[in-house]
């Protein structure tokens, strides 16, 4: 009986604390983010920009996304073009807040839910 109650609590607890939602706000969002030092792994030898058009014929909707592939001598990286541009901006910025740091992550999560 105790195991059943514990299992039930473990399944219900995340719903009660809204663990599946990410929200940024309040004074915490304006505090400086504690980030580690940037480490250069490789430099790009070639960059390829991809354009994705996703068509959903059932609802007549089309979405367009851009992605970039950076090819280096030892490392390659594929990411959304928006994240790439944001990363370039943040490299030159001395200090960023928690809200600025988490916004791209939340936007990606919201995009998957079609509400960003």
PDB file of N, CA and C in Angstrom:
ATOM      1  N   UNK A   1       0.826  -1.195   0.000  1.00  0.00           N
ATOM      2  CA  UNK A   1       0.000   0.000   0.000  1.00  0.00           C
ATOM      3  C   UNK A   1       0.867   1.255   0.000  1.00  0.00           C
ATOM      4  N   UNK A   2       1.943   1.248   0.825  1.00  0.00           N
ATOM      5  CA  UNK A   2       2.829   2.405   0.880  1.00  0.00           C
ATOM      6  C   UNK A   2       3.482   2.675  -0.468  1.00  0.00           C
ATOM      7  N   UNK A   3       3.862   1.627  -1.185  1.00  0.00           N
ATOM      8  CA  UNK A   3       4.499   1.796  -2.494  1.00  0.00           C
ATOM      9  C   UNK A   3       3.543   2.445  -3.485  1.00  0.00           C
ATOM     10  N   UNK A   4       2.274   2.076  -3.412  1.00  0.00           N
ATOM     11  CA  UNK A   4       1.287   2.664  -4.313  1.00  0.00           C
ATOM     12  C   UNK A   4       1.109   4.149  -4.031  1.00  0.00           C
ATOM     13  N   UNK A   5       1.079   4.519  -2.774  1.00  0.00           N
ATOM     14  CA  UNK A   5       0.919   5.928  -2.405  1.00  0.00           C
ATOM     15  C   UNK A   5       2.139   6.730  -2.842  1.00  0.00           C
ATOM     16  N   UNK A   6       3.310   6.192  -2.620  1.00  0.00           N
ATOM     17  CA  UNK A   6       4.536   6.887  -3.018  1.00  0.00           C
ATOM     18  C   UNK A   6       4.586   7.056  -4.535  1.00  0.00           C
ATOM     19  N   UNK A   7       4.242   6.018  -5.277  1.00  0.00           N
ATOM     20  CA  UNK A   7       4.219   6.107  -6.743  1.00  0.00           C
ATOM     21  C   UNK A   7       3.207   7.147  -7.205  1.00  0.00           C
ATOM     22  N   UNK A   8       2.042   7.157  -6.585  1.00  0.00           N
ATOM     23  CA  UNK A   8       1.015   8.128  -6.941  1.00  0.00           C
ATOM     24  C   UNK A   8       1.512   9.548  -6.693  1.00  0.00           C
ATOM     25  N   UNK A   9       2.151   9.773  -5.560  1.00  0.00           N
ATOM     26  CA  UNK A   9       2.686  11.099  -5.252  1.00  0.00           C
ATOM     27  C   UNK A   9       3.771  11.507  -6.244  1.00  0.00           C
ATOM     28  N   UNK A  10       4.616  10.565  -6.626  1.00  0.00           N
ATOM     29  CA  UNK A  10       5.672  10.875  -7.589  1.00  0.00           C
ATOM     30  C   UNK A  10       5.104  11.264  -8.951  1.00  0.00           C
ATOM     31  N   UNK A  11       3.987  10.674  -9.333  1.00  0.00           N
ATOM     32  CA  UNK A  11       3.374  11.012 -10.610  1.00  0.00           C
ATOM     33  C   UNK A  11       2.582  12.314 -10.545  1.00  0.00           C
ATOM     34  N   UNK A  12       1.988  12.615  -9.407  1.00  0.00           N
ATOM     35  CA  UNK A  12       1.146  13.802  -9.270  1.00  0.00           C
ATOM     36  C   UNK A  12       1.969  15.046  -8.943  1.00  0.00           C
ATOM     37  N   UNK A  13       3.066  14.896  -8.240  1.00  0.00           N
ATOM     38  CA  UNK A  13       3.853  16.042  -7.783  1.00  0.00           C
ATOM     39  C   UNK A  13       4.295  16.964  -8.918  1.00  0.00           C
ATOM     40  N   UNK A  14       4.837  16.461 -10.045  1.00  0.00           N
ATOM     41  CA  UNK A  14       5.222  17.380 -11.125  1.00  0.00           C
ATOM     42  C   UNK A  14       4.049  18.185 -11.676  1.00  0.00           C
ATOM     43  N   UNK A  15       2.859  17.610 -11.675  1.00  0.00           N
ATOM     44  CA  UNK A  15       1.696  18.352 -12.145  1.00  0.00           C
ATOM     45  C   UNK A  15       1.342  19.485 -11.194  1.00  0.00           C
ATOM     46  N   UNK A  16       1.526  19.239  -9.913  1.00  0.00           N
ATOM     47  CA  UNK A  16       1.196  20.257  -8.927  1.00  0.00           C
ATOM     48  C   UNK A  16       2.177  21.420  -8.956  1.00  0.00           C
ATOM     49  N   UNK A  17       3.438  21.141  -9.198  1.00  0.00           N
ATOM     50  CA  UNK A  17       4.446  22.204  -9.184  1.00  0.00           C
ATOM     51  C   UNK A  17       4.680  22.796 -10.567  1.00  0.00           C
ATOM     52  N   UNK A  18       3.929  22.349 -11.563  1.00  0.00           N
ATOM     53  CA  UNK A  18       4.041  22.839 -12.931  1.00  0.00           C
ATOM     54  C   UNK A  18       5.468  22.704 -13.438  1.00  0.00           C
ATOM     55  N   UNK A  19       6.041  21.538 -13.231  1.00  0.00           N
ATOM     56  CA  UNK A  19       7.434  21.300 -13.595  1.00  0.00           C
ATOM     57  C   UNK A  19       7.646  21.265 -15.100  1.00  0.00           C
ATOM     58  N   UNK A  20       6.609  21.106 -15.861  1.00  0.00           N
ATOM     59  CA  UNK A  20       6.767  21.022 -17.308  1.00  0.00           C
ATOM     60  C   UNK A  20       6.758  22.389 -17.980  1.00  0.00           C
ATOM     61  N   UNK A  21       6.540  23.457 -17.232  1.00  0.00           N
ATOM     62  CA  UNK A  21       6.519  24.794 -17.804  1.00  0.00           C
ATOM     63  C   UNK A  21       7.736  25.569 -17.346  1.00  0.00           C
ATOM     64  N   UNK A  22       8.292  26.327 -18.264  1.00  0.00           N
ATOM     65  CA  UNK A  22       9.418  27.196 -17.937  1.00  0.00           C
ATOM     66  C   UNK A  22       8.922  28.625 -18.051  1.00  0.00           C
ATOM     67  N   UNK A  23       9.120  29.396 -17.009  1.00  0.00           N
ATOM     68  CA  UNK A  23       8.747  30.804 -17.077  1.00  0.00           C
ATOM     69  C   UNK A  23       9.874  31.636 -16.492  1.00  0.00           C
ATOM     70  N   UNK A  24      10.100  32.768 -17.124  1.00  0.00           N
ATOM     71  CA  UNK A  24      11.117  33.671 -16.604  1.00  0.00           C
ATOM     72  C   UNK A  24      10.431  34.973 -16.239  1.00  0.00           C
ATOM     73  N   UNK A  25      10.757  35.470 -15.084  1.00  0.00           N
ATOM     74  CA  UNK A  25      10.155  36.706 -14.634  1.00  0.00           C
ATOM     75  C   UNK A  25      10.664  37.055 -13.252  1.00  0.00           C
ATOM     76  N   UNK A  26      10.212  38.182 -12.774  1.00  0.00           N
ATOM     77  CA  UNK A  26      10.615  38.618 -11.452  1.00  0.00           C
ATOM     78  C   UNK A  26      12.037  39.134 -11.421  1.00  0.00           C
ATOM     79  N   UNK A  27      12.543  39.326 -10.227  1.00  0.00           N
ATOM     80  CA  UNK A  27      13.889  39.886 -10.078  1.00  0.00           C
ATOM     81  C   UNK A  27      14.971  38.906 -10.511  1.00  0.00           C
ATOM     82  N   UNK A  28      14.689  37.605 -10.427  1.00  0.00           N
ATOM     83  CA  UNK A  28      15.691  36.609 -10.816  1.00  0.00           C
ATOM     84  C   UNK A  28      16.075  36.754 -12.285  1.00  0.00           C
ATOM     85  N   UNK A  29      15.103  37.082 -13.149  1.00  0.00           N
ATOM     86  CA  UNK A  29      15.373  37.208 -14.586  1.00  0.00           C
ATOM     87  C   UNK A  29      16.327  38.357 -14.878  1.00  0.00           C
ATOM     88  N   UNK A  30      16.380  39.357 -13.999  1.00  0.00           N
ATOM     89  CA  UNK A  30      17.244  40.518 -14.224  1.00  0.00           C
ATOM     90  C   UNK A  30      18.609  40.393 -13.561  1.00  0.00           C
ATOM     91  N   UNK A  31      18.829  39.322 -12.820  1.00  0.00           N
ATOM     92  CA  UNK A  31      20.136  39.121 -12.189  1.00  0.00           C
ATOM     93  C   UNK A  31      21.156  38.666 -13.227  1.00  0.00           C
ATOM     94  N   UNK A  32      22.435  39.004 -13.023  1.00  0.00           N
ATOM     95  CA  UNK A  32      23.467  38.561 -13.972  1.00  0.00           C
ATOM     96  C   UNK A  32      23.576  37.037 -13.996  1.00  0.00           C
ATOM     97  N   UNK A  33      23.677  36.483 -15.188  1.00  0.00           N
ATOM     98  CA  UNK A  33      23.828  35.028 -15.340  1.00  0.00           C
ATOM     99  C   UNK A  33      25.255  34.632 -15.000  1.00  0.00           C
ATOM    100  N   UNK A  34      25.398  33.504 -14.339  1.00  0.00           N
ATOM    101  CA  UNK A  34      26.725  32.994 -13.980  1.00  0.00           C
ATOM    102  C   UNK A  34      27.127  31.966 -15.032  1.00  0.00           C
ATOM    103  N   UNK A  35      27.880  32.412 -16.006  1.00  0.00           N
ATOM    104  CA  UNK A  35      28.283  31.556 -17.113  1.00  0.00           C
ATOM    105  C   UNK A  35      29.763  31.241 -17.019  1.00  0.00           C
ATOM    106  N   UNK A  36      30.134  30.109 -17.552  1.00  0.00           N
ATOM    107  CA  UNK A  36      31.545  29.737 -17.605  1.00  0.00           C
ATOM    108  C   UNK A  36      32.254  30.490 -18.720  1.00  0.00           C
ATOM    109  N   UNK A  37      33.533  30.340 -18.786  1.00  0.00           N
ATOM    110  CA  UNK A  37      34.333  30.975 -19.834  1.00  0.00           C
ATOM    111  C   UNK A  37      34.070  30.293 -21.174  1.00  0.00           C
ATOM    112  N   UNK A  38      34.099  31.080 -22.241  1.00  0.00           N
ATOM    113  CA  UNK A  38      33.970  30.512 -23.586  1.00  0.00           C
ATOM    114  C   UNK A  38      35.256  29.810 -23.966  1.00  0.00           C
ATOM    115  N   UNK A  39      35.115  28.662 -24.600  1.00  0.00           N
ATOM    116  CA  UNK A  39      36.270  27.904 -25.046  1.00  0.00           C
ATOM    117  C   UNK A  39      36.096  27.626 -26.536  1.00  0.00           C
ATOM    118  N   UNK A  40      37.048  28.044 -27.329  1.00  0.00           N
ATOM    119  CA  UNK A  40      36.987  27.819 -28.768  1.00  0.00           C
ATOM    120  C   UNK A  40      37.443  26.402 -29.071  1.00  0.00           C
ATOM    121  N   UNK A  41      36.554  25.618 -29.666  1.00  0.00           N
ATOM    122  CA  UNK A  41      36.882  24.237 -30.016  1.00  0.00           C
ATOM    123  C   UNK A  41      37.508  24.133 -31.399  1.00  0.00           C
ATOM    124  N   UNK A  42      37.020  24.949 -32.326  1.00  0.00           N
ATOM    125  CA  UNK A  42      37.482  24.895 -33.709  1.00  0.00           C
ATOM    126  C   UNK A  42      37.000  26.166 -34.398  1.00  0.00           C
ATOM    127  N   UNK A  43      37.528  26.469 -35.555  1.00  0.00           N
ATOM    128  CA  UNK A  43      37.040  27.596 -36.343  1.00  0.00           C
ATOM    129  C   UNK A  43      36.400  27.055 -37.617  1.00  0.00           C
ATOM    130  N   UNK A  44      35.406  27.779 -38.109  1.00  0.00           N
ATOM    131  CA  UNK A  44      34.674  27.325 -39.289  1.00  0.00           C
ATOM    132  C   UNK A  44      35.520  27.448 -40.544  1.00  0.00           C
ATOM    133  N   UNK A  45      35.486  26.398 -41.339  1.00  0.00           N
ATOM    134  CA  UNK A  45      36.124  26.409 -42.649  1.00  0.00           C
ATOM    135  C   UNK A  45      35.060  26.700 -43.706  1.00  0.00           C
ATOM    136  N   UNK A  46      33.841  26.203 -43.458  1.00  0.00           N
ATOM    137  CA  UNK A  46      32.730  26.402 -44.382  1.00  0.00           C
ATOM    138  C   UNK A  46      31.439  26.504 -43.585  1.00  0.00           C
ATOM    139  N   UNK A  47      30.512  27.332 -44.072  1.00  0.00           N
ATOM    140  CA  UNK A  47      29.195  27.472 -43.452  1.00  0.00           C
ATOM    141  C   UNK A  47      28.127  27.275 -44.519  1.00  0.00           C
ATOM    142  N   UNK A  48      27.153  26.442 -44.232  1.00  0.00           N
ATOM    143  CA  UNK A  48      26.051  26.176 -45.158  1.00  0.00           C
ATOM    144  C   UNK A  48      24.750  26.555 -44.464  1.00  0.00           C
ATOM    145  N   UNK A  49      23.931  27.382 -45.122  1.00  0.00           N
ATOM    146  CA  UNK A  49      22.649  27.794 -44.556  1.00  0.00           C
ATOM    147  C   UNK A  49      21.543  27.022 -45.268  1.00  0.00           C
ATOM    148  N   UNK A  50      20.682  26.394 -44.469  1.00  0.00           N
ATOM    149  CA  UNK A  50      19.591  25.579 -44.995  1.00  0.00           C
ATOM    150  C   UNK A  50      18.261  26.286 -44.770  1.00  0.00           C
ATOM    151  N   UNK A  51      17.361  26.157 -45.740  1.00  0.00           N
ATOM    152  CA  UNK A  51      16.015  26.699 -45.642  1.00  0.00           C
ATOM    153  C   UNK A  51      15.052  25.519 -45.646  1.00  0.00           C
ATOM    154  N   UNK A  52      14.279  25.390 -44.565  1.00  0.00           N
ATOM    155  CA  UNK A  52      13.291  24.313 -44.456  1.00  0.00           C
ATOM    156  C   UNK A  52      11.899  24.899 -44.646  1.00  0.00           C
ATOM    157  N   UNK A  53      11.123  24.275 -45.500  1.00  0.00           N
ATOM    158  CA  UNK A  53       9.711  24.621 -45.625  1.00  0.00           C
ATOM    159  C   UNK A  53       8.915  23.380 -45.265  1.00  0.00           C
ATOM    160  N   UNK A  54       8.165  23.500 -44.199  1.00  0.00           N
ATOM    161  CA  UNK A  54       7.358  22.374 -43.731  1.00  0.00           C
ATOM    162  C   UNK A  54       5.903  22.691 -44.053  1.00  0.00           C
ATOM    163  N   UNK A  55       5.323  21.858 -44.875  1.00  0.00           N
ATOM    164  CA  UNK A  55       3.944  22.073 -45.315  1.00  0.00           C
ATOM    165  C   UNK A  55       3.058  20.998 -44.698  1.00  0.00           C
ATOM    166  N   UNK A  56       2.038  21.451 -44.003  1.00  0.00           N
ATOM    167  CA  UNK A  56       1.041  20.541 -43.433  1.00  0.00           C
ATOM    168  C   UNK A  56      -0.208  20.647 -44.301  1.00  0.00           C
ATOM    169  N   UNK A  57      -0.390  19.700 -45.195  1.00  0.00           N
ATOM    170  CA  UNK A  57      -1.507  19.753 -46.140  1.00  0.00           C
ATOM    171  C   UNK A  57      -2.857  19.571 -45.460  1.00  0.00           C
ATOM    172  N   UNK A  58      -2.871  18.895 -44.318  1.00  0.00           N
ATOM    173  CA  UNK A  58      -4.154  18.641 -43.654  1.00  0.00           C
ATOM    174  C   UNK A  58      -4.791  19.928 -43.138  1.00  0.00           C
ATOM    175  N   UNK A  59      -3.974  20.897 -42.711  1.00  0.00           N
ATOM    176  CA  UNK A  59      -4.533  22.168 -42.224  1.00  0.00           C
ATOM    177  C   UNK A  59      -4.159  23.341 -43.126  1.00  0.00           C
ATOM    178  N   UNK A  60      -3.424  23.069 -44.203  1.00  0.00           N
ATOM    179  CA  UNK A  60      -3.052  24.118 -45.148  1.00  0.00           C
ATOM    180  C   UNK A  60      -2.088  25.132 -44.557  1.00  0.00           C
ATOM    181  N   UNK A  61      -1.137  24.670 -43.777  1.00  0.00           N
ATOM    182  CA  UNK A  61      -0.193  25.568 -43.104  1.00  0.00           C
ATOM    183  C   UNK A  61       1.220  25.310 -43.612  1.00  0.00           C
ATOM    184  N   UNK A  62       1.992  26.387 -43.783  1.00  0.00           N
ATOM    185  CA  UNK A  62       3.391  26.246 -44.165  1.00  0.00           C
ATOM    186  C   UNK A  62       4.251  27.047 -43.187  1.00  0.00           C
ATOM    187  N   UNK A  63       5.317  26.442 -42.724  1.00  0.00           N
ATOM    188  CA  UNK A  63       6.272  27.116 -41.837  1.00  0.00           C
ATOM    189  C   UNK A  63       7.641  27.059 -42.484  1.00  0.00           C
ATOM    190  N   UNK A  64       8.417  28.105 -42.239  1.00  0.00           N
ATOM    191  CA  UNK A  64       9.739  28.192 -42.841  1.00  0.00           C
ATOM    192  C   UNK A  64      10.773  28.374 -41.733  1.00  0.00           C
ATOM    193  N   UNK A  65      11.821  27.578 -41.776  1.00  0.00           N
ATOM    194  CA  UNK A  65      12.882  27.632 -40.778  1.00  0.00           C
ATOM    195  C   UNK A  65      14.227  27.723 -41.486  1.00  0.00           C
ATOM    196  N   UNK A  66      15.173  28.358 -40.819  1.00  0.00           N
ATOM    197  CA  UNK A  66      16.540  28.425 -41.327  1.00  0.00           C
ATOM    198  C   UNK A  66      17.468  27.749 -40.327  1.00  0.00           C
ATOM    199  N   UNK A  67      18.460  27.059 -40.836  1.00  0.00           N
ATOM    200  CA  UNK A  67      19.460  26.392 -39.996  1.00  0.00           C
ATOM    201  C   UNK A  67      20.824  26.611 -40.633  1.00  0.00           C
ATOM    202  N   UNK A  68      21.869  26.451 -39.842  1.00  0.00           N
ATOM    203  CA  UNK A  68      23.228  26.636 -40.341  1.00  0.00           C
ATOM    204  C   UNK A  68      24.086  25.446 -39.931  1.00  0.00           C
ATOM    205  N   UNK A  69      24.918  25.011 -40.848  1.00  0.00           N
ATOM    206  CA  UNK A  69      25.897  23.966 -40.590  1.00  0.00           C
ATOM    207  C   UNK A  69      27.267  24.613 -40.681  1.00  0.00           C
ATOM    208  N   UNK A  70      27.991  24.611 -39.573  1.00  0.00           N
ATOM    209  CA  UNK A  70      29.362  25.131 -39.551  1.00  0.00           C
ATOM    210  C   UNK A  70      30.308  23.939 -39.580  1.00  0.00           C
ATOM    211  N   UNK A  71      31.176  23.918 -40.568  1.00  0.00           N
ATOM    212  CA  UNK A  71      32.107  22.804 -40.738  1.00  0.00           C
ATOM    213  C   UNK A  71      33.507  23.288 -40.398  1.00  0.00           C
ATOM    214  N   UNK A  72      34.143  22.622 -39.437  1.00  0.00           N
ATOM    215  CA  UNK A  72      35.513  22.937 -39.048  1.00  0.00           C
ATOM    216  C   UNK A  72      36.438  21.790 -39.392  1.00  0.00           C
ATOM    217  N   UNK A  73      37.699  21.939 -39.042  1.00  0.00           N
ATOM    218  CA  UNK A  73      38.665  20.873 -39.317  1.00  0.00           C
ATOM    219  C   UNK A  73      38.396  19.631 -38.472  1.00  0.00           C
ATOM    220  N   UNK A  74      37.994  19.832 -37.207  1.00  0.00           N
ATOM    221  CA  UNK A  74      37.780  18.683 -36.319  1.00  0.00           C
ATOM    222  C   UNK A  74      36.350  18.584 -35.796  1.00  0.00           C
ATOM    223  N   UNK A  75      35.610  19.702 -35.794  1.00  0.00           N
ATOM    224  CA  UNK A  75      34.267  19.731 -35.214  1.00  0.00           C
ATOM    225  C   UNK A  75      33.312  20.402 -36.193  1.00  0.00           C
ATOM    226  N   UNK A  76      32.086  19.888 -36.265  1.00  0.00           N
ATOM    227  CA  UNK A  76      31.023  20.520 -37.044  1.00  0.00           C
ATOM    228  C   UNK A  76      29.838  20.767 -36.122  1.00  0.00           C
ATOM    229  N   UNK A  77      29.048  21.800 -36.449  1.00  0.00           N
ATOM    230  CA  UNK A  77      27.909  22.145 -35.604  1.00  0.00           C
ATOM    231  C   UNK A  77      26.723  22.513 -36.486  1.00  0.00           C
ATOM    232  N   UNK A  78      25.546  21.981 -36.150  1.00  0.00           N
ATOM    233  CA  UNK A  78      24.302  22.269 -36.860  1.00  0.00           C
ATOM    234  C   UNK A  78      23.322  22.843 -35.854  1.00  0.00           C
ATOM    235  N   UNK A  79      22.774  24.027 -36.137  1.00  0.00           N
ATOM    236  CA  UNK A  79      21.826  24.656 -35.220  1.00  0.00           C
ATOM    237  C   UNK A  79      20.910  25.583 -35.997  1.00  0.00           C
ATOM    238  N   UNK A  80      19.891  26.101 -35.324  1.00  0.00           N
ATOM    239  CA  UNK A  80      18.999  27.050 -35.979  1.00  0.00           C
ATOM    240  C   UNK A  80      19.765  28.337 -36.263  1.00  0.00           C
ATOM    241  N   UNK A  81      19.400  28.998 -37.342  1.00  0.00           N
ATOM    242  CA  UNK A  81      20.110  30.216 -37.727  1.00  0.00           C
ATOM    243  C   UNK A  81      19.869  31.327 -36.703  1.00  0.00           C
ATOM    244  N   UNK A  82      18.681  31.340 -36.100  1.00  0.00           N
ATOM    245  CA  UNK A  82      18.397  32.329 -35.063  1.00  0.00           C
ATOM    246  C   UNK A  82      19.314  32.171 -33.862  1.00  0.00           C
ATOM    247  N   UNK A  83      19.564  30.935 -33.439  1.00  0.00           N
ATOM    248  CA  UNK A  83      20.484  30.683 -32.324  1.00  0.00           C
ATOM    249  C   UNK A  83      21.902  31.095 -32.692  1.00  0.00           C
ATOM    250  N   UNK A  84      22.287  30.848 -33.938  1.00  0.00           N
ATOM    251  CA  UNK A  84      23.616  31.227 -34.422  1.00  0.00           C
ATOM    252  C   UNK A  84      23.800  32.741 -34.349  1.00  0.00           C
ATOM    253  N   UNK A  85      22.794  33.482 -34.806  1.00  0.00           N
ATOM    254  CA  UNK A  85      22.892  34.946 -34.774  1.00  0.00           C
ATOM    255  C   UNK A  85      22.902  35.459 -33.340  1.00  0.00           C
ATOM    256  N   UNK A  86      22.079  34.870 -32.487  1.00  0.00           N
ATOM    257  CA  UNK A  86      22.044  35.278 -31.085  1.00  0.00           C
ATOM    258  C   UNK A  86      23.379  35.005 -30.417  1.00  0.00           C
ATOM    259  N   UNK A  87      23.976  33.857 -30.714  1.00  0.00           N
ATOM    260  CA  UNK A  87      25.276  33.510 -30.151  1.00  0.00           C
ATOM    261  C   UNK A  87      26.330  34.532 -30.562  1.00  0.00           C
ATOM    262  N   UNK A  88      26.284  34.982 -31.805  1.00  0.00           N
ATOM    263  CA  UNK A  88      27.241  35.977 -32.282  1.00  0.00           C
ATOM    264  C   UNK A  88      27.086  37.293 -31.535  1.00  0.00           C
ATOM    265  N   UNK A  89      25.859  37.666 -31.240  1.00  0.00           N
ATOM    266  CA  UNK A  89      25.611  38.906 -30.503  1.00  0.00           C
ATOM    267  C   UNK A  89      26.100  38.777 -29.067  1.00  0.00           C
ATOM    268  N   UNK A  90      25.838  37.627 -28.446  1.00  0.00           N
ATOM    269  CA  UNK A  90      26.187  37.444 -27.040  1.00  0.00           C
ATOM    270  C   UNK A  90      27.689  37.350 -26.809  1.00  0.00           C
ATOM    271  N   UNK A  91      28.445  36.939 -27.822  1.00  0.00           N
ATOM    272  CA  UNK A  91      29.899  36.854 -27.662  1.00  0.00           C
ATOM    273  C   UNK A  91      30.470  38.233 -27.371  1.00  0.00           C
ATOM    274  N   UNK A  92      29.929  39.254 -28.024  1.00  0.00           N
ATOM    275  CA  UNK A  92      30.424  40.613 -27.819  1.00  0.00           C
ATOM    276  C   UNK A  92      29.884  41.284 -26.570  1.00  0.00           C
ATOM    277  N   UNK A  93      28.871  40.716 -25.953  1.00  0.00           N
ATOM    278  CA  UNK A  93      28.264  41.315 -24.769  1.00  0.00           C
ATOM    279  C   UNK A  93      29.031  40.887 -23.523  1.00  0.00           C
ATOM    280  N   UNK A  94      29.315  41.841 -22.656  1.00  0.00           N
ATOM    281  CA  UNK A  94      30.096  41.564 -21.455  1.00  0.00           C
ATOM    282  C   UNK A  94      29.295  40.798 -20.405  1.00  0.00           C
ATOM    283  N   UNK A  95      28.062  41.204 -20.172  1.00  0.00           N
ATOM    284  CA  UNK A  95      27.260  40.596 -19.106  1.00  0.00           C
ATOM    285  C   UNK A  95      25.847  40.368 -19.615  1.00  0.00           C
ATOM    286  N   UNK A  96      25.282  39.226 -19.341  1.00  0.00           N
ATOM    287  CA  UNK A  96      23.900  38.951 -19.717  1.00  0.00           C
ATOM    288  C   UNK A  96      23.115  38.519 -18.487  1.00  0.00           C
ATOM    289  N   UNK A  97      21.802  38.704 -18.555  1.00  0.00           N
ATOM    290  CA  UNK A  97      20.946  38.345 -17.428  1.00  0.00           C
ATOM    291  C   UNK A  97      20.431  36.921 -17.597  1.00  0.00           C
ATOM    292  N   UNK A  98      19.862  36.392 -16.517  1.00  0.00           N
ATOM    293  CA  UNK A  98      19.273  35.049 -16.576  1.00  0.00           C
ATOM    294  C   UNK A  98      18.159  34.981 -17.618  1.00  0.00           C
ATOM    295  N   UNK A  99      17.355  36.031 -17.707  1.00  0.00           N
ATOM    296  CA  UNK A  99      16.267  36.066 -18.681  1.00  0.00           C
ATOM    297  C   UNK A  99      16.772  36.023 -20.112  1.00  0.00           C
ATOM    298  N   UNK A 100      17.839  36.776 -20.402  1.00  0.00           N
ATOM    299  CA  UNK A 100      18.419  36.768 -21.750  1.00  0.00           C
ATOM    300  C   UNK A 100      19.018  35.408 -22.082  1.00  0.00           C
ATOM    301  N   UNK A 101      19.606  34.767 -21.079  1.00  0.00           N
ATOM    302  CA  UNK A 101      20.231  33.467 -21.300  1.00  0.00           C
ATOM    303  C   UNK A 101      19.191  32.385 -21.590  1.00  0.00           C
ATOM    304  N   UNK A 102      18.060  32.418 -20.878  1.00  0.00           N
ATOM    305  CA  UNK A 102      17.050  31.366 -21.016  1.00  0.00           C
ATOM    306  C   UNK A 102      16.060  31.603 -22.146  1.00  0.00           C
ATOM    307  N   UNK A 103      15.965  32.825 -22.654  1.00  0.00           N
ATOM    308  CA  UNK A 103      14.956  33.124 -23.670  1.00  0.00           C
ATOM    309  C   UNK A 103      15.063  32.238 -24.912  1.00  0.00           C
ATOM    310  N   UNK A 104      16.249  32.006 -25.502  1.00  0.00           N
ATOM    311  CA  UNK A 104      16.296  31.115 -26.678  1.00  0.00           C
ATOM    312  C   UNK A 104      15.866  29.688 -26.361  1.00  0.00           C
ATOM    313  N   UNK A 105      16.192  29.212 -25.176  1.00  0.00           N
ATOM    314  CA  UNK A 105      15.811  27.854 -24.787  1.00  0.00           C
ATOM    315  C   UNK A 105      14.300  27.753 -24.674  1.00  0.00           C
ATOM    316  N   UNK A 106      13.682  28.749 -24.063  1.00  0.00           N
ATOM    317  CA  UNK A 106      12.234  28.749 -23.899  1.00  0.00           C
ATOM    318  C   UNK A 106      11.556  28.888 -25.252  1.00  0.00           C
ATOM    319  N   UNK A 107      12.117  29.713 -26.125  1.00  0.00           N
ATOM    320  CA  UNK A 107      11.533  29.904 -27.453  1.00  0.00           C
ATOM    321  C   UNK A 107      11.569  28.608 -28.249  1.00  0.00           C
ATOM    322  N   UNK A 108      12.660  27.874 -28.171  1.00  0.00           N
ATOM    323  CA  UNK A 108      12.751  26.591 -28.865  1.00  0.00           C
ATOM    324  C   UNK A 108      11.694  25.640 -28.322  1.00  0.00           C
ATOM    325  N   UNK A 109      11.542  25.605 -26.991  1.00  0.00           N
ATOM    326  CA  UNK A 109      10.537  24.740 -26.375  1.00  0.00           C
ATOM    327  C   UNK A 109       9.140  25.150 -26.823  1.00  0.00           C
ATOM    328  N   UNK A 110       8.875  26.455 -26.867  1.00  0.00           N
ATOM    329  CA  UNK A 110       7.562  26.939 -27.276  1.00  0.00           C
ATOM    330  C   UNK A 110       7.321  26.682 -28.758  1.00  0.00           C
ATOM    331  N   UNK A 111       8.371  26.740 -29.582  1.00  0.00           N
ATOM    332  CA  UNK A 111       8.223  26.465 -31.008  1.00  0.00           C
ATOM    333  C   UNK A 111       7.758  25.038 -31.222  1.00  0.00           C
ATOM    334  N   UNK A 112       8.274  24.132 -30.419  1.00  0.00           N
ATOM    335  CA  UNK A 112       7.842  22.742 -30.530  1.00  0.00           C
ATOM    336  C   UNK A 112       6.369  22.590 -30.178  1.00  0.00           C
ATOM    337  N   UNK A 113       5.882  23.502 -29.334  1.00  0.00           N
ATOM    338  CA  UNK A 113       4.465  23.474 -28.959  1.00  0.00           C
ATOM    339  C   UNK A 113       3.636  24.390 -29.865  1.00  0.00           C
ATOM    340  N   UNK A 114       4.275  25.023 -30.866  1.00  0.00           N
ATOM    341  CA  UNK A 114       3.620  25.922 -31.825  1.00  0.00           C
ATOM    342  C   UNK A 114       3.037  27.168 -31.172  1.00  0.00           C
ATOM    343  N   UNK A 115       3.684  27.710 -30.140  1.00  0.00           N
ATOM    344  CA  UNK A 115       3.152  28.921 -29.519  1.00  0.00           C
ATOM    345  C   UNK A 115       4.217  29.983 -29.294  1.00  0.00           C
ATOM    346  N   UNK A 116       5.359  29.897 -29.958  1.00  0.00           N
ATOM    347  CA  UNK A 116       6.398  30.908 -29.772  1.00  0.00           C
ATOM    348  C   UNK A 116       6.232  32.011 -30.789  1.00  0.00           C
TER     349      UNK A 116
END
